[in-house]
Amino acid sequence: MIRIPLSFGVALATVLLAAALPARAQQVSVRVAADSLDIGGRTTVTVRLTHDGSRRVVFPDEAGARPPEALGTLGDLELLVRLEAGFRSLPDGSRLDSVVYEATTFAVDSALVVARAGLATETDTIPVEGGAIRLPVRSTVPDDAQDVQDLRELAEFPRAWWPWLLLAAALAGLAAWWVYRRRNRPTEVEEAPAPEPEPETAVSEALRRLDALATAFPASADELAPFFDELSDVLRTYIARATGEHALEMTSSELVAALRSRRDVRAERAGEIDQLLRAADLVKFADFRPPLDRAVSAHGATRVAVERFEGDRRPALPLDTPESAHPDEPFTAPPR
């Protein structure tokens, strides 16, 4: 039988206890007030973090990177408003910090909620993640909705003869007028028809609509939703004409996924469009009301995104190549 000195056993126990305490002290959890969610609906979510008190707690809305118009994310939940926050000391000497948010989601079928926070010092931040929960997302289609009914057969009505008589009289009068004008008109030199105007390109249409929208910035919170709806439609229409994607029929997530899968669209351009569409969706569907000056910045960001996207579609031309050649053909990047 091997005998272990008492001093060595005490030291070993101290080391093991010190290694185990941080794991117990740093625990984060999340709780959602509802057991199911609606697309664009609002609910409250609580994030709790237990720690030893040696570091400052950093909750998702205090982190650096977050989506526009939102405070941060917890998986598929987007945080809109911080409702309250607090802390208390626990009997074992640790500290419990908690914060309550108002949140929404645009996930389909189900939403994954991830518990996440951080512990920071002046030099670094330790991310702390806990368990994840998945909540069902209710469909917005009513249960009693019915399929589209087939068209009924056309009803039979008796045919009247007098409309044909009026038509014949009108045609006869038009023919007489044409013969009279033909015989009595002066001899004129026929002028060449004016050339038809060139069709408007995708980028010129988008910039024209943005210029018109710049004269109608919202003056109240009730005008934010129509403004962001028009801003989103301008961006989607441009993408549809420039890439051929069905941007007007897709959800924002589907459209961004389609752009990220294209070899002729840069990742940073898809990211810019993702941020703009998510910001517009929050205002249109989640009833989010940002400050009025946010409409001005969103308008400018949309113009910059369109101009950058169009710039990526224009390959560098040699000096002897006219810049007007094929102005509206999409640019396909060479294989890498």
Protein backbone atom coordinates (compact mmCIF):
# COMPACT_ATOMS: atom_id res chain seq x y z
CA MET A 1 0.00 0.00 0.00
CA ILE A 2 1.37 3.42 -1.09
CA ARG A 3 1.30 6.15 1.55
CA ILE A 4 0.80 9.75 0.36
CA PRO A 5 2.10 12.52 2.62
CA LEU A 6 -0.64 14.67 4.10
CA SER A 7 0.89 17.95 2.83
CA PHE A 8 1.02 16.59 -0.75
CA GLY A 9 -2.64 15.50 -0.59
CA VAL A 10 -3.74 18.91 0.67
CA ALA A 11 -1.83 20.67 -2.12
CA LEU A 12 -3.30 18.33 -4.75
CA ALA A 13 -6.84 18.93 -3.50
CA THR A 14 -6.28 22.68 -3.55
CA VAL A 15 -5.11 22.57 -7.17
CA LEU A 16 -8.09 20.44 -8.25
CA LEU A 17 -10.53 22.70 -6.43
CA ALA A 18 -9.03 25.82 -8.02
CA ALA A 19 -9.35 24.23 -11.48
CA ALA A 20 -12.97 23.26 -10.88
CA LEU A 21 -14.21 26.58 -9.49
CA PRO A 22 -14.03 28.62 -12.73
CA ALA A 23 -15.97 25.95 -14.61
CA ARG A 24 -18.75 26.11 -12.01
CA ALA A 25 -18.60 29.87 -11.65
CA GLN A 26 -18.93 30.69 -15.36
CA GLN A 27 -22.36 29.40 -16.36
CA VAL A 28 -24.73 31.13 -18.75
CA SER A 29 -28.36 30.26 -19.42
CA VAL A 30 -31.26 31.69 -21.40
CA ARG A 31 -35.00 31.61 -20.83
CA VAL A 32 -37.76 32.65 -23.28
CA ALA A 33 -41.13 33.82 -21.91
CA ALA A 34 -43.13 31.95 -24.58
CA ASP A 35 -43.05 28.28 -25.56
CA SER A 36 -43.59 29.14 -29.25
CA LEU A 37 -42.92 32.18 -31.45
CA ASP A 38 -44.53 34.06 -34.34
CA ILE A 39 -42.60 35.32 -37.37
CA GLY A 40 -41.90 38.99 -36.64
CA GLY A 41 -43.70 38.77 -33.28
CA ARG A 42 -42.16 40.00 -30.04
CA THR A 43 -41.35 38.14 -26.84
CA THR A 44 -39.12 38.60 -23.79
CA VAL A 45 -35.91 36.64 -23.22
CA THR A 46 -33.71 36.56 -20.10
CA VAL A 47 -29.96 35.85 -20.10
CA ARG A 48 -28.29 34.88 -16.78
CA LEU A 49 -24.57 34.54 -16.12
CA THR A 50 -23.06 33.13 -12.92
CA HIS A 51 -19.36 33.99 -12.36
CA ASP A 52 -16.80 34.58 -9.64
CA GLY A 53 -16.98 38.38 -9.89
CA SER A 54 -13.38 38.90 -11.02
CA ARG A 55 -14.35 40.09 -14.52
CA ARG A 56 -16.89 42.48 -16.03
CA VAL A 57 -19.93 40.88 -17.68
CA VAL A 58 -20.46 41.63 -21.40
CA PHE A 59 -23.99 40.82 -22.62
CA PRO A 60 -24.84 40.51 -26.36
CA ASP A 61 -26.01 44.14 -26.72
CA GLU A 62 -22.65 45.34 -25.34
CA ALA A 63 -20.55 43.39 -27.85
CA GLY A 64 -18.92 45.17 -30.76
CA ALA A 65 -20.38 43.40 -33.85
CA ARG A 66 -24.16 43.25 -34.16
CA PRO A 67 -26.74 43.55 -36.98
CA PRO A 68 -28.07 47.03 -37.83
CA GLU A 69 -31.23 48.24 -36.06
CA ALA A 70 -30.88 45.45 -33.43
CA LEU A 71 -28.97 45.14 -30.16
CA GLY A 72 -27.50 41.74 -30.94
CA THR A 73 -28.53 38.14 -31.49
CA LEU A 74 -29.02 34.96 -29.48
CA GLY A 75 -28.99 32.38 -32.26
CA ASP A 76 -32.13 33.03 -34.36
CA LEU A 77 -33.46 35.66 -31.92
CA GLU A 78 -32.77 39.34 -32.71
CA LEU A 79 -32.68 41.58 -29.64
CA LEU A 80 -34.64 44.83 -30.02
CA VAL A 81 -34.83 46.56 -26.62
CA ARG A 82 -33.09 46.04 -23.27
CA LEU A 83 -35.89 46.08 -20.70
CA GLU A 84 -34.00 45.67 -17.40
CA ALA A 85 -30.77 44.36 -15.90
CA GLY A 86 -29.46 43.53 -12.41
CA PHE A 87 -27.24 41.34 -10.27
CA ARG A 88 -27.11 39.66 -6.87
CA SER A 89 -24.59 37.77 -4.76
CA LEU A 90 -25.05 34.03 -4.20
CA PRO A 91 -24.43 32.16 -0.91
CA ASP A 92 -21.31 30.44 -2.28
CA GLY A 93 -19.62 33.81 -2.92
CA SER A 94 -20.27 33.92 -6.67
CA ARG A 95 -22.31 36.58 -8.48
CA LEU A 96 -25.39 36.28 -10.73
CA ASP A 97 -25.88 38.91 -13.46
CA SER A 98 -29.03 38.94 -15.57
CA VAL A 99 -30.60 41.03 -18.33
CA VAL A 100 -34.05 41.00 -19.93
CA TYR A 101 -34.60 41.86 -23.62
CA GLU A 102 -37.49 42.24 -25.99
CA ALA A 103 -36.71 40.10 -29.04
CA THR A 104 -38.12 38.88 -32.35
CA THR A 105 -37.30 36.23 -34.96
CA PHE A 106 -37.73 35.73 -38.70
CA ALA A 107 -36.88 32.02 -38.63
CA VAL A 108 -39.23 29.56 -40.36
CA ASP A 109 -40.67 26.43 -38.65
CA SER A 110 -38.33 26.65 -35.62
CA ALA A 111 -35.89 29.08 -33.97
CA LEU A 112 -32.64 28.10 -32.22
CA VAL A 113 -31.95 30.22 -29.10
CA VAL A 114 -28.33 30.14 -27.86
CA ALA A 115 -27.25 31.35 -24.42
CA ARG A 116 -24.23 33.63 -24.89
CA ALA A 117 -22.33 36.28 -22.90
CA GLY A 118 -18.74 37.25 -22.11
CA LEU A 119 -16.39 38.03 -19.21
CA ALA A 120 -13.98 40.89 -19.87
CA THR A 121 -10.95 42.60 -18.39
CA GLU A 122 -9.05 45.58 -19.72
CA THR A 123 -7.04 43.32 -22.04
CA ASP A 124 -9.25 40.42 -23.16
CA THR A 125 -12.75 38.93 -23.16
CA ILE A 126 -13.65 35.29 -22.48
CA PRO A 127 -16.77 34.14 -24.41
CA VAL A 128 -19.17 32.02 -22.37
CA GLU A 129 -21.83 29.92 -24.10
CA GLY A 130 -24.44 27.66 -22.56
CA GLY A 131 -27.05 25.27 -23.77
CA ALA A 132 -29.32 26.00 -26.73
CA ILE A 133 -33.08 25.56 -26.94
CA ARG A 134 -35.24 25.24 -30.04
CA LEU A 135 -38.73 26.74 -30.09
CA PRO A 136 -41.42 26.17 -32.74
CA VAL A 137 -42.35 29.11 -34.96
CA ARG A 138 -46.04 29.34 -35.77
CA SER A 139 -47.14 29.79 -39.37
CA THR A 140 -48.86 33.05 -40.32
CA VAL A 141 -51.28 31.22 -42.64
CA PRO A 142 -54.70 30.79 -40.88
CA ASP A 143 -55.88 27.26 -40.16
CA ASP A 144 -59.14 27.79 -42.06
CA ALA A 145 -57.41 28.98 -45.24
CA GLN A 146 -58.77 27.25 -48.35
CA ASP A 147 -57.16 26.44 -51.66
CA VAL A 148 -57.83 28.66 -54.67
CA GLN A 149 -61.15 27.70 -56.24
CA ASP A 150 -61.43 26.87 -59.94
CA LEU A 151 -63.02 29.44 -62.24
CA ARG A 152 -66.69 28.99 -62.88
CA GLU A 153 -68.08 28.61 -66.37
CA LEU A 154 -68.92 31.82 -68.22
CA ALA A 155 -72.56 32.84 -68.05
CA GLU A 156 -74.44 32.99 -71.35
CA PHE A 157 -76.02 36.34 -72.30
CA PRO A 158 -78.11 37.14 -75.39
CA ARG A 159 -76.12 38.92 -78.07
CA ALA A 160 -77.24 42.45 -78.96
CA TRP A 161 -76.95 43.74 -82.53
CA TRP A 162 -76.79 47.48 -81.80
CA PRO A 163 -73.10 47.56 -80.68
CA TRP A 164 -72.13 46.17 -84.08
CA LEU A 165 -74.20 48.83 -85.79
CA LEU A 166 -72.45 51.56 -83.79
CA LEU A 167 -69.07 50.05 -84.62
CA ALA A 168 -69.86 49.95 -88.35
CA ALA A 169 -70.98 53.60 -88.26
CA ALA A 170 -67.82 54.62 -86.43
CA LEU A 171 -65.62 52.78 -88.91
CA ALA A 172 -67.44 54.36 -91.83
CA GLY A 173 -66.99 57.84 -90.35
CA LEU A 174 -63.30 57.17 -89.69
CA ALA A 175 -62.80 55.99 -93.29
CA ALA A 176 -64.52 59.11 -94.66
CA TRP A 177 -62.41 61.37 -92.47
CA TRP A 178 -59.20 59.62 -93.61
CA VAL A 179 -60.15 60.02 -97.32
CA TYR A 180 -60.91 63.71 -96.80
CA ARG A 181 -57.61 64.35 -95.02
CA ARG A 182 -55.73 62.39 -97.67
CA ARG A 183 -57.11 64.51 -100.52
CA ASN A 184 -56.75 67.89 -98.83
CA ARG A 185 -53.49 67.71 -96.92
CA PRO A 186 -50.54 69.81 -98.21
CA THR A 187 -47.49 68.14 -99.62
CA GLU A 188 -44.89 67.81 -96.88
CA VAL A 189 -41.45 66.39 -96.71
CA GLU A 190 -41.61 63.32 -94.54
CA GLU A 191 -39.40 63.58 -91.54
CA ALA A 192 -37.43 60.64 -90.26
CA PRO A 193 -39.01 59.18 -87.13
CA ALA A 194 -37.31 60.12 -83.91
CA PRO A 195 -35.12 57.32 -82.55
CA GLU A 196 -36.64 55.39 -79.72
CA PRO A 197 -35.02 56.08 -76.37
CA GLU A 198 -32.71 53.39 -75.09
CA PRO A 199 -34.19 51.21 -72.35
CA GLU A 200 -33.29 52.24 -68.84
CA THR A 201 -30.57 50.11 -67.26
CA ALA A 202 -30.92 48.44 -63.89
CA VAL A 203 -28.51 50.81 -62.13
CA SER A 204 -29.99 53.97 -63.71
CA GLU A 205 -33.48 52.90 -62.62
CA ALA A 206 -32.30 52.24 -59.06
CA LEU A 207 -30.46 55.57 -58.78
CA ARG A 208 -33.44 57.44 -60.26
CA ARG A 209 -35.79 55.91 -57.68
CA LEU A 210 -33.32 56.66 -54.86
CA ASP A 211 -33.13 60.32 -56.00
CA ALA A 212 -36.92 60.52 -55.88
CA LEU A 213 -36.96 58.89 -52.44
CA ALA A 214 -34.40 61.41 -51.16
CA THR A 215 -37.09 64.13 -51.39
CA ALA A 216 -39.51 62.19 -49.16
CA PHE A 217 -37.63 61.28 -46.00
CA PRO A 218 -40.05 60.32 -43.18
CA ALA A 219 -41.13 63.17 -40.91
CA SER A 220 -42.79 60.93 -38.30
CA ALA A 221 -42.57 57.37 -36.99
CA ASP A 222 -45.71 56.40 -38.98
CA GLU A 223 -43.86 57.14 -42.25
CA LEU A 224 -40.90 54.84 -41.48
CA ALA A 225 -42.50 51.59 -42.66
CA PRO A 226 -43.52 52.91 -46.17
CA PHE A 227 -40.08 54.50 -46.58
CA PHE A 228 -38.14 51.32 -45.72
CA ASP A 229 -40.57 49.26 -47.85
CA GLU A 230 -39.76 51.42 -50.91
CA LEU A 231 -36.03 51.29 -50.05
CA SER A 232 -36.17 47.47 -49.93
CA ASP A 233 -38.13 47.32 -53.22
CA VAL A 234 -35.54 49.51 -54.98
CA LEU A 235 -32.72 47.21 -53.84
CA ARG A 236 -34.60 43.99 -54.71
CA THR A 237 -35.64 45.29 -58.16
CA TYR A 238 -32.05 46.23 -58.96
CA ILE A 239 -30.72 42.80 -57.88
CA ALA A 240 -33.42 41.05 -59.93
CA ARG A 241 -32.52 42.97 -63.10
CA ALA A 242 -28.76 42.81 -62.53
CA THR A 243 -28.47 39.10 -61.65
CA GLY A 244 -31.65 37.42 -62.94
CA GLU A 245 -32.54 36.19 -59.43
CA HIS A 246 -36.24 36.24 -58.45
CA ALA A 247 -35.45 38.82 -55.77
CA LEU A 248 -39.00 40.19 -55.50
CA GLU A 249 -40.47 36.74 -54.68
CA MET A 250 -37.73 35.56 -52.27
CA THR A 251 -37.46 36.16 -48.53
CA SER A 252 -34.47 38.17 -47.39
CA SER A 253 -32.70 35.02 -46.16
CA GLU A 254 -33.31 33.18 -49.45
CA LEU A 255 -32.08 36.12 -51.53
CA VAL A 256 -28.87 36.55 -49.50
CA ALA A 257 -28.20 32.80 -49.67
CA ALA A 258 -28.64 32.89 -53.46
CA LEU A 259 -26.20 35.82 -53.76
CA ARG A 260 -23.60 34.11 -51.56
CA SER A 261 -23.76 31.03 -53.81
CA ARG A 262 -23.01 33.03 -56.97
CA ARG A 263 -19.42 33.20 -58.19
CA ASP A 264 -19.95 36.65 -59.74
CA VAL A 265 -21.00 38.30 -56.44
CA ARG A 266 -18.42 39.18 -53.83
CA ALA A 267 -18.97 38.09 -50.24
CA GLU A 268 -18.78 41.66 -48.93
CA ARG A 269 -21.48 42.79 -51.36
CA ALA A 270 -23.79 39.99 -50.21
CA GLY A 271 -23.07 41.03 -46.60
CA GLU A 272 -23.98 44.67 -47.31
CA ILE A 273 -27.26 43.65 -48.94
CA ASP A 274 -28.00 41.27 -46.03
CA GLN A 275 -27.63 44.13 -43.48
CA LEU A 276 -29.87 46.48 -45.51
CA LEU A 277 -32.64 43.89 -46.00
CA ARG A 278 -32.57 42.84 -42.32
CA ALA A 279 -32.85 46.50 -41.25
CA ALA A 280 -35.85 47.02 -43.58
CA ASP A 281 -37.53 43.78 -42.37
CA LEU A 282 -37.30 44.92 -38.75
CA VAL A 283 -39.16 48.12 -39.58
CA LYS A 284 -41.71 46.53 -41.95
CA PHE A 285 -42.59 43.33 -40.10
CA ALA A 286 -41.44 43.67 -36.46
CA ASP A 287 -42.93 47.17 -35.98
CA PHE A 288 -39.49 48.48 -34.98
CA ARG A 289 -39.24 52.26 -34.95
CA PRO A 290 -35.63 53.54 -35.17
CA PRO A 291 -34.75 57.25 -34.94
CA LEU A 292 -35.86 59.27 -37.99
CA ASP A 293 -32.28 60.09 -38.98
CA ARG A 294 -31.68 56.35 -39.45
CA ALA A 295 -33.75 56.60 -42.64
CA VAL A 296 -31.18 59.05 -44.09
CA SER A 297 -28.25 56.74 -43.28
CA ALA A 298 -30.11 53.68 -44.66
CA HIS A 299 -30.85 55.62 -47.87
CA GLY A 300 -27.17 56.52 -48.30
CA ALA A 301 -26.04 52.96 -47.51
CA THR A 302 -28.44 51.60 -50.17
CA ARG A 303 -27.04 53.96 -52.81
CA VAL A 304 -23.47 52.95 -51.91
CA ALA A 305 -24.40 49.23 -52.04
CA VAL A 306 -25.98 49.62 -55.51
CA GLU A 307 -22.98 51.57 -56.87
CA ARG A 308 -20.48 49.05 -55.44
CA PHE A 309 -22.49 46.10 -56.77
CA GLU A 310 -22.65 47.72 -60.20
CA GLY A 311 -18.91 48.49 -60.06
CA ASP A 312 -18.16 44.80 -59.46
CA ARG A 313 -20.21 43.92 -62.57
CA ARG A 314 -18.09 46.20 -64.79
CA PRO A 315 -14.86 44.46 -65.88
CA ALA A 316 -11.82 46.64 -66.57
CA LEU A 317 -11.94 47.56 -70.30
CA PRO A 318 -8.85 48.04 -72.54
CA LEU A 319 -8.20 51.57 -73.80
CA ASP A 320 -9.42 50.79 -77.33
CA THR A 321 -12.73 49.22 -76.15
CA PRO A 322 -15.82 51.53 -76.12
CA GLU A 323 -17.27 51.81 -72.62
CA SER A 324 -20.78 51.68 -74.07
CA ALA A 325 -20.38 48.12 -75.39
CA HIS A 326 -22.94 45.85 -73.77
CA PRO A 327 -23.74 48.24 -70.86
CA ASP A 328 -26.31 46.04 -69.16
CA GLU A 329 -24.84 42.53 -69.55
CA PRO A 330 -23.94 40.90 -66.18
CA PHE A 331 -20.26 40.46 -65.46
CA THR A 332 -19.18 36.89 -64.77
CA ALA A 333 -16.00 36.65 -62.73
CA PRO A 334 -13.27 34.37 -64.16
CA PRO A 335 -12.79 31.02 -62.36
CA ARG A 336 -10.35 31.21 -59.47
